[in-house]
């Protein structure tokens, strides 16, 4: 079987030649060990600084080459397009943020950005523009804008899909899903849900329209599926109790997934971290074809989920990211053995990590995962 055939067979509930293997993402430190040289591919901090410096062409070329090199050298059955692998921001005349110290920048709007050596990312830690923003019903009655991407983004997307479309299963980008809408962030947004539910409904409906419009630009005609990403919970449970989610957000997510399936003909995979055990019936009713992550450290037990939902949705995960980063090779091998024993029977299972091959993953642990996978993957 080709990788594409293997994944399609798995999604149909039939038994492939072997369990497919895929990752939501493989971060740059592992990628560089695989391809043998430095790259911007999944190097989020490095890429952001290069964009600030106007080096868009250099990053675009590195994304294109890194994407193809990685998937040529690894036996990944699924090609994905997460952050820092294909999207190039439009070039602007704005001056780059001013560097305050070795790990901090501030832009002309007063937004403060901080580098984290733990995640090798640069994130906005203070946003006075967003903090001062006051949402109103009127702004959600406007027509949503079409997304604007640098043409080089689509050149990367087209080239990678052309390279692998006959061989591997392609999970392309889309307008994403509304998930749970927190206006102004988790804290302010939680208050808005409690105090202004009609405003949140209006914002959610606007977001659905915006995402449907974005699909027209972002969904690639030759992709097999789209991989949407939204966290619905934290380590101990979902952000909202199930009844509140059902009332405010279930239908919006169902409509989004229906649009991706009916209008664009794509299967829809969900990547979500956190303890979302109580949302699985929603995920199935919404129409997701596969669920990626299964965070064991958030009490997401692959054995229990497989027994309850394994005939209704494909499960993608099984290897603890925490073990990949700070465990031993035997810890990782044990994860693979347990996942295969629990989730492989009956099909509808794709092996992968509980999030991604993230920054800091031990290369020897990554290789142990692949070695154990090859011992046990065949049906």
Protein backbone atom coordinates (compact mmCIF):
# COMPACT_ATOMS: atom_id res chain seq x y z
CA UNK A 1 0.00 0.00 0.00
CA UNK A 2 1.04 3.60 -0.50
CA UNK A 3 0.85 5.91 2.49
CA UNK A 4 -2.25 7.53 1.00
CA UNK A 5 -3.98 4.16 0.59
CA UNK A 6 -2.93 3.13 4.11
CA UNK A 7 -4.49 6.19 5.75
CA UNK A 8 -7.65 6.11 3.64
CA UNK A 9 -8.14 2.44 4.48
CA UNK A 10 -7.71 3.24 8.17
CA UNK A 11 -10.24 6.09 8.03
CA UNK A 12 -12.78 3.81 6.36
CA UNK A 13 -12.61 1.42 9.30
CA UNK A 14 -10.84 -1.29 7.31
CA UNK A 15 -7.50 -2.94 8.05
CA UNK A 16 -4.44 -1.63 6.18
CA UNK A 17 -1.13 -3.44 5.68
CA UNK A 18 0.26 -1.68 8.75
CA UNK A 19 -0.66 1.01 11.24
CA UNK A 20 -0.02 4.43 9.65
CA UNK A 21 2.43 6.78 11.34
CA UNK A 22 2.01 10.54 11.35
CA UNK A 23 2.92 13.63 13.38
CA UNK A 24 1.07 16.91 13.82
CA UNK A 25 4.50 18.53 13.50
CA UNK A 26 8.22 17.78 13.75
CA UNK A 27 10.13 20.72 15.21
CA UNK A 28 13.33 22.10 13.76
CA UNK A 29 15.85 20.57 16.19
CA UNK A 30 14.77 17.06 15.19
CA UNK A 31 14.36 18.08 11.54
CA UNK A 32 17.95 19.35 11.44
CA UNK A 33 19.26 16.03 12.71
CA UNK A 34 17.29 14.24 9.99
CA UNK A 35 18.16 16.47 7.03
CA UNK A 36 21.71 17.31 8.19
CA UNK A 37 21.66 21.12 8.09
CA UNK A 38 20.04 24.20 9.64
CA UNK A 39 16.54 25.20 8.56
CA UNK A 40 13.78 27.69 9.21
CA UNK A 41 11.26 24.85 8.92
CA UNK A 42 9.36 24.73 12.28
CA UNK A 43 11.94 27.12 13.74
CA UNK A 44 9.33 29.58 14.97
CA UNK A 45 11.56 32.11 16.77
CA UNK A 46 14.18 32.01 14.05
CA UNK A 47 11.52 32.54 11.39
CA UNK A 48 9.84 35.44 13.19
CA UNK A 49 13.14 37.30 13.59
CA UNK A 50 13.94 36.71 9.91
CA UNK A 51 10.56 38.12 8.91
CA UNK A 52 11.18 41.19 11.08
CA UNK A 53 14.47 41.59 9.21
CA UNK A 54 12.76 41.30 5.82
CA UNK A 55 14.31 37.94 4.89
CA UNK A 56 11.06 36.50 3.54
CA UNK A 57 12.59 34.94 0.44
CA UNK A 58 15.22 33.08 2.45
CA UNK A 59 12.61 31.68 4.84
CA UNK A 60 10.26 30.70 2.01
CA UNK A 61 12.98 28.74 0.24
CA UNK A 62 13.96 27.00 3.48
CA UNK A 63 10.33 26.05 4.23
CA UNK A 64 9.95 24.55 0.77
CA UNK A 65 13.19 22.59 0.84
CA UNK A 66 12.81 21.52 4.48
CA UNK A 67 9.25 20.27 3.97
CA UNK A 68 10.25 18.08 1.05
CA UNK A 69 13.53 16.88 2.57
CA UNK A 70 11.84 15.86 5.82
CA UNK A 71 9.09 13.88 4.15
CA UNK A 72 11.52 12.25 1.72
CA UNK A 73 13.76 11.02 4.55
CA UNK A 74 11.06 9.98 7.03
CA UNK A 75 8.40 7.35 6.45
CA UNK A 76 5.63 9.64 7.64
CA UNK A 77 2.38 8.57 6.02
CA UNK A 78 0.79 12.01 6.49
CA UNK A 79 1.98 15.41 5.25
CA UNK A 80 0.81 18.34 7.41
CA UNK A 81 1.15 22.12 7.19
CA UNK A 82 1.32 23.52 10.73
CA UNK A 83 2.79 26.87 11.75
CA UNK A 84 6.24 27.76 10.41
CA UNK A 85 6.17 25.32 7.52
CA UNK A 86 4.48 27.20 4.67
CA UNK A 87 2.81 30.49 5.55
CA UNK A 88 4.80 33.62 4.72
CA UNK A 89 3.40 36.91 6.12
CA UNK A 90 2.97 39.78 3.68
CA UNK A 91 5.87 42.22 3.63
CA UNK A 92 5.07 45.64 5.10
CA UNK A 93 6.73 49.03 5.52
CA UNK A 94 6.39 48.82 9.32
CA UNK A 95 9.67 49.15 11.15
CA UNK A 96 10.62 45.94 12.99
CA UNK A 97 10.07 45.72 16.76
CA UNK A 98 12.72 47.41 18.88
CA UNK A 99 14.93 45.00 20.80
CA UNK A 100 14.79 45.78 24.53
CA UNK A 101 17.13 43.05 25.74
CA UNK A 102 18.38 39.65 24.60
CA UNK A 103 14.95 38.05 24.74
CA UNK A 104 12.44 40.93 24.52
CA UNK A 105 11.10 43.18 21.74
CA UNK A 106 8.51 45.96 21.57
CA UNK A 107 6.71 47.13 18.42
CA UNK A 108 5.33 50.56 17.59
CA UNK A 109 1.93 49.64 19.05
CA UNK A 110 3.44 48.87 22.44
CA UNK A 111 3.10 45.11 22.07
CA UNK A 112 5.82 43.21 23.89
CA UNK A 113 7.25 39.96 22.53
CA UNK A 114 9.28 37.49 24.57
CA UNK A 115 11.53 34.64 23.49
CA UNK A 116 11.16 31.32 25.33
CA UNK A 117 14.16 28.96 25.20
CA UNK A 118 11.88 26.14 26.37
CA UNK A 119 9.65 26.27 23.28
CA UNK A 120 12.07 28.14 20.95
CA UNK A 121 9.23 30.51 20.14
CA UNK A 122 8.54 34.23 20.42
CA UNK A 123 5.13 35.11 21.78
CA UNK A 124 3.28 38.32 22.52
CA UNK A 125 3.17 38.69 26.31
CA UNK A 126 1.61 42.17 26.41
CA UNK A 127 -0.84 43.63 23.92
CA UNK A 128 -2.19 47.05 24.92
CA UNK A 129 -4.21 47.19 21.68
CA UNK A 130 -6.13 44.05 22.58
CA UNK A 131 -6.36 45.00 26.24
CA UNK A 132 -8.04 48.29 25.31
CA UNK A 133 -10.38 46.74 22.77
CA UNK A 134 -14.09 46.72 23.54
CA UNK A 135 -16.22 44.36 21.49
CA UNK A 136 -19.68 45.31 20.23
CA UNK A 137 -22.47 43.61 18.32
CA UNK A 138 -22.09 46.09 15.46
CA UNK A 139 -18.59 44.96 14.48
CA UNK A 140 -19.82 41.42 13.95
CA UNK A 141 -22.43 42.54 11.40
CA UNK A 142 -19.76 43.50 8.86
CA UNK A 143 -18.61 41.40 5.94
CA UNK A 144 -15.50 39.41 6.92
CA UNK A 145 -12.29 40.03 4.96
CA UNK A 146 -10.57 37.51 2.72
CA UNK A 147 -7.22 36.34 4.11
CA UNK A 148 -4.12 37.95 2.65
CA UNK A 149 -1.05 35.76 2.27
CA UNK A 150 2.20 36.30 0.49
CA UNK A 151 2.08 34.48 -2.90
CA UNK A 152 5.13 32.48 -1.81
CA UNK A 153 2.91 30.71 0.75
CA UNK A 154 0.86 29.16 -2.02
CA UNK A 155 3.97 28.34 -4.04
CA UNK A 156 5.21 26.28 -1.07
CA UNK A 157 1.83 24.63 -0.57
CA UNK A 158 1.50 23.78 -4.27
CA UNK A 159 5.04 22.43 -4.56
CA UNK A 160 4.84 20.18 -1.50
CA UNK A 161 1.45 18.77 -2.45
CA UNK A 162 2.59 18.19 -6.04
CA UNK A 163 5.63 16.30 -4.72
CA UNK A 164 3.66 13.91 -2.49
CA UNK A 165 0.03 13.84 -3.66
CA UNK A 166 0.23 10.39 -5.30
CA UNK A 167 2.26 8.87 -2.48
CA UNK A 168 1.26 10.32 0.89
CA UNK A 169 -1.94 11.40 2.61
CA UNK A 170 -2.15 15.21 2.49
CA UNK A 171 -3.65 17.16 5.40
CA UNK A 172 -3.80 20.70 4.10
CA UNK A 173 -4.72 24.04 5.68
CA UNK A 174 -8.17 25.61 5.96
CA UNK A 175 -9.93 28.48 7.68
CA UNK A 176 -9.85 26.37 10.89
CA UNK A 177 -12.87 26.04 13.23
CA UNK A 178 -14.42 28.40 15.81
CA UNK A 179 -13.88 25.92 18.63
CA UNK A 180 -14.62 27.92 21.78
CA UNK A 181 -14.58 31.67 21.20
CA UNK A 182 -12.85 33.60 23.97
CA UNK A 183 -13.12 37.29 23.08
CA UNK A 184 -9.93 39.01 24.24
CA UNK A 185 -8.30 35.86 25.56
CA UNK A 186 -9.17 33.19 28.08
CA UNK A 187 -9.82 35.44 31.08
CA UNK A 188 -11.80 38.21 29.36
CA UNK A 189 -13.45 35.72 27.07
CA UNK A 190 -14.67 33.55 29.93
CA UNK A 191 -16.32 36.59 31.50
CA UNK A 192 -17.92 37.47 28.16
CA UNK A 193 -19.40 33.98 27.88
CA UNK A 194 -21.00 34.38 31.29
CA UNK A 195 -22.01 38.04 31.05
CA UNK A 196 -22.64 38.64 27.32
CA UNK A 197 -23.62 35.35 25.67
CA UNK A 198 -25.40 37.12 22.78
CA UNK A 199 -22.23 39.04 21.97
CA UNK A 200 -20.32 35.74 21.98
CA UNK A 201 -22.94 34.16 19.68
CA UNK A 202 -22.59 37.07 17.27
CA UNK A 203 -18.79 36.81 17.33
CA UNK A 204 -18.99 33.06 16.75
CA UNK A 205 -21.33 33.43 13.76
CA UNK A 206 -19.03 36.10 12.32
CA UNK A 207 -16.03 33.81 12.78
CA UNK A 208 -17.80 30.96 11.01
CA UNK A 209 -18.48 33.26 8.03
CA UNK A 210 -14.86 34.42 8.08
CA UNK A 211 -13.55 30.85 8.18
CA UNK A 212 -15.89 29.67 5.43
CA UNK A 213 -14.56 32.52 3.26
CA UNK A 214 -10.97 31.63 4.16
CA UNK A 215 -11.61 28.08 2.97
CA UNK A 216 -12.06 29.44 -0.55
CA UNK A 217 -8.45 30.61 -0.44
CA UNK A 218 -6.76 28.04 1.81
CA UNK A 219 -8.29 24.63 1.07
CA UNK A 220 -6.17 22.98 -1.58
CA UNK A 221 -8.11 21.03 -4.22
CA UNK A 222 -5.60 18.17 -4.18
CA UNK A 223 -5.44 17.73 -0.39
CA UNK A 224 -7.11 14.62 1.04
CA UNK A 225 -8.12 16.28 4.31
CA UNK A 226 -7.70 19.37 6.41
CA UNK A 227 -6.17 19.34 9.88
CA UNK A 228 -7.85 21.89 12.13
CA UNK A 229 -6.34 22.88 15.45
CA UNK A 230 -8.09 24.17 18.56
CA UNK A 231 -7.63 23.40 22.24
CA UNK A 232 -10.91 22.69 24.03
CA UNK A 233 -9.48 22.07 27.49
CA UNK A 234 -6.64 22.11 29.99
CA UNK A 235 -4.99 19.26 31.88
CA UNK A 236 -7.89 18.60 34.25
CA UNK A 237 -10.92 19.11 32.03
CA UNK A 238 -12.59 21.16 29.29
CA UNK A 239 -12.66 24.95 29.35
CA UNK A 240 -16.47 24.90 29.42
CA UNK A 241 -18.87 22.40 30.92
CA UNK A 242 -20.45 20.23 28.20
CA UNK A 243 -23.91 21.81 28.47
CA UNK A 244 -22.51 25.31 27.96
CA UNK A 245 -20.41 24.16 25.00
CA UNK A 246 -23.44 22.48 23.44
CA UNK A 247 -25.53 25.60 23.85
CA UNK A 248 -23.01 28.14 22.56
CA UNK A 249 -20.54 26.43 20.23
CA UNK A 250 -21.60 22.96 19.10
CA UNK A 251 -23.67 24.05 16.11
CA UNK A 252 -21.07 26.54 14.87
CA UNK A 253 -18.41 23.82 14.79
CA UNK A 254 -20.79 21.37 13.13
CA UNK A 255 -21.56 23.92 10.40
CA UNK A 256 -17.84 24.54 9.83
CA UNK A 257 -17.01 20.88 9.45
CA UNK A 258 -20.04 20.36 7.19
CA UNK A 259 -18.80 23.16 4.93
CA UNK A 260 -15.38 21.54 4.65
CA UNK A 261 -16.91 18.19 3.82
CA UNK A 262 -19.85 19.14 1.61
CA UNK A 263 -18.41 22.10 -0.28
CA UNK A 264 -14.76 21.10 -0.46
CA UNK A 265 -14.99 17.31 -0.21
CA UNK A 266 -12.37 16.98 2.53
CA UNK A 267 -12.06 14.75 5.54
CA UNK A 268 -11.50 16.76 8.71
CA UNK A 269 -8.95 15.91 11.40
CA UNK A 270 -8.96 17.65 14.79
CA UNK A 271 -5.81 18.43 16.80
CA UNK A 272 -6.70 19.30 20.39
CA UNK A 273 -4.74 19.14 23.61
CA UNK A 274 -6.09 18.84 27.14
CA UNK A 275 -8.60 16.63 28.92
CA UNK A 276 -11.55 16.54 26.53
CA UNK A 277 -12.98 13.14 27.45
CA UNK A 278 -16.40 14.69 28.02
CA UNK A 279 -16.42 16.24 24.52
CA UNK A 280 -15.88 13.09 22.47
CA UNK A 281 -19.57 12.59 21.71
CA UNK A 282 -19.61 16.18 20.44
CA UNK A 283 -16.54 15.61 18.27
CA UNK A 284 -18.19 12.63 16.62
CA UNK A 285 -21.50 14.46 16.12
CA UNK A 286 -19.66 17.47 14.69
CA UNK A 287 -18.21 15.13 12.08
CA UNK A 288 -14.49 14.90 12.74
CA UNK A 289 -12.93 11.90 11.01
CA UNK A 290 -9.89 11.65 13.28
CA UNK A 291 -8.74 13.01 16.63
CA UNK A 292 -5.06 13.82 17.06
CA UNK A 293 -3.22 14.28 20.36
CA UNK A 294 -4.71 12.04 23.11
CA UNK A 295 -2.72 13.72 25.88
CA UNK A 296 -1.98 11.03 28.46
CA UNK A 297 -0.69 13.62 30.94
CA UNK A 298 -4.20 15.14 30.88
CA UNK A 299 -5.86 11.81 31.75
CA UNK A 300 -6.66 11.01 28.14
CA UNK A 301 -6.26 7.23 28.19
CA UNK A 302 -5.99 5.73 24.74
CA UNK A 303 -7.24 2.34 25.89
CA UNK A 304 -10.45 3.74 27.39
CA UNK A 305 -11.08 6.03 24.40
CA UNK A 306 -10.51 3.19 21.95
CA UNK A 307 -12.98 0.93 23.76
CA UNK A 308 -15.67 3.62 23.83
CA UNK A 309 -15.18 5.42 20.52
CA UNK A 310 -12.83 3.32 18.39
CA UNK A 311 -15.53 2.27 15.93
CA UNK A 312 -16.72 5.85 15.40
CA UNK A 313 -13.57 7.94 14.95
CA UNK A 314 -9.94 7.32 14.04
CA UNK A 315 -7.53 7.90 16.93
CA UNK A 316 -4.11 9.41 16.24
CA UNK A 317 -1.48 9.41 19.01
CA UNK A 318 -0.26 7.01 21.66
CA UNK A 319 3.30 8.14 22.48
CA UNK A 320 3.71 10.61 25.33
CA UNK A 321 5.46 13.82 24.33
CA UNK A 322 6.70 14.11 27.91
CA UNK A 323 8.48 10.77 27.55
CA UNK A 324 9.92 11.81 24.20
CA UNK A 325 11.45 14.90 25.86
CA UNK A 326 12.42 13.76 29.35
CA UNK A 327 11.86 10.00 29.49
CA UNK A 328 14.09 7.12 28.49
CA UNK A 329 14.13 5.18 25.26
CA UNK A 330 12.44 2.31 27.12
CA UNK A 331 9.67 4.66 28.30
CA UNK A 332 8.98 5.54 24.68
CA UNK A 333 9.11 1.93 23.55
CA UNK A 334 6.64 1.06 26.31
CA UNK A 335 4.29 3.76 25.05
CA UNK A 336 4.43 2.32 21.54
CA UNK A 337 3.80 -1.22 22.78
CA UNK A 338 0.82 -0.15 24.89
CA UNK A 339 -0.68 1.97 22.11
CA UNK A 340 -0.37 -0.88 19.64
CA UNK A 341 -1.90 -3.34 22.09
CA UNK A 342 -4.81 -1.00 22.96
CA UNK A 343 -5.59 0.80 19.72
CA UNK A 344 -4.25 -1.26 16.83
CA UNK A 345 -6.88 -4.07 16.95
CA UNK A 346 -9.82 -3.31 14.68
CA UNK A 347 -8.04 -0.50 12.82
CA UNK A 348 -8.96 3.19 12.98
CA UNK A 349 -5.59 3.97 14.59
CA UNK A 350 -2.63 6.13 13.54
CA UNK A 351 0.49 6.08 15.70
CA UNK A 352 2.04 9.41 16.70
CA UNK A 353 3.03 11.51 19.66
CA UNK A 354 0.53 13.05 22.07
CA UNK A 355 1.17 16.44 20.47
CA UNK A 356 4.15 16.66 18.14
CA UNK A 357 7.85 15.90 17.98
CA UNK A 358 8.38 19.13 19.89
CA UNK A 359 11.48 21.18 20.63
CA UNK A 360 13.65 19.36 23.14
CA UNK A 361 12.67 15.84 22.06
CA UNK A 362 15.59 13.48 22.57
CA UNK A 363 16.71 12.17 19.21
CA UNK A 364 17.54 8.75 20.66
CA UNK A 365 14.00 8.56 22.04
CA UNK A 366 12.56 9.55 18.67
CA UNK A 367 14.56 6.82 16.96
CA UNK A 368 13.49 4.29 19.61
CA UNK A 369 9.87 5.18 18.86
CA UNK A 370 10.39 4.49 15.17
CA UNK A 371 12.25 1.25 15.84
CA UNK A 372 9.51 -0.08 18.12
CA UNK A 373 6.86 1.08 15.68
CA UNK A 374 8.40 -0.92 12.85
CA UNK A 375 8.50 -4.04 15.03
CA UNK A 376 4.77 -3.86 15.75
CA UNK A 377 3.10 -1.93 12.91
CA UNK A 378 2.17 -4.77 10.56
CA UNK A 379 -1.32 -6.25 10.73
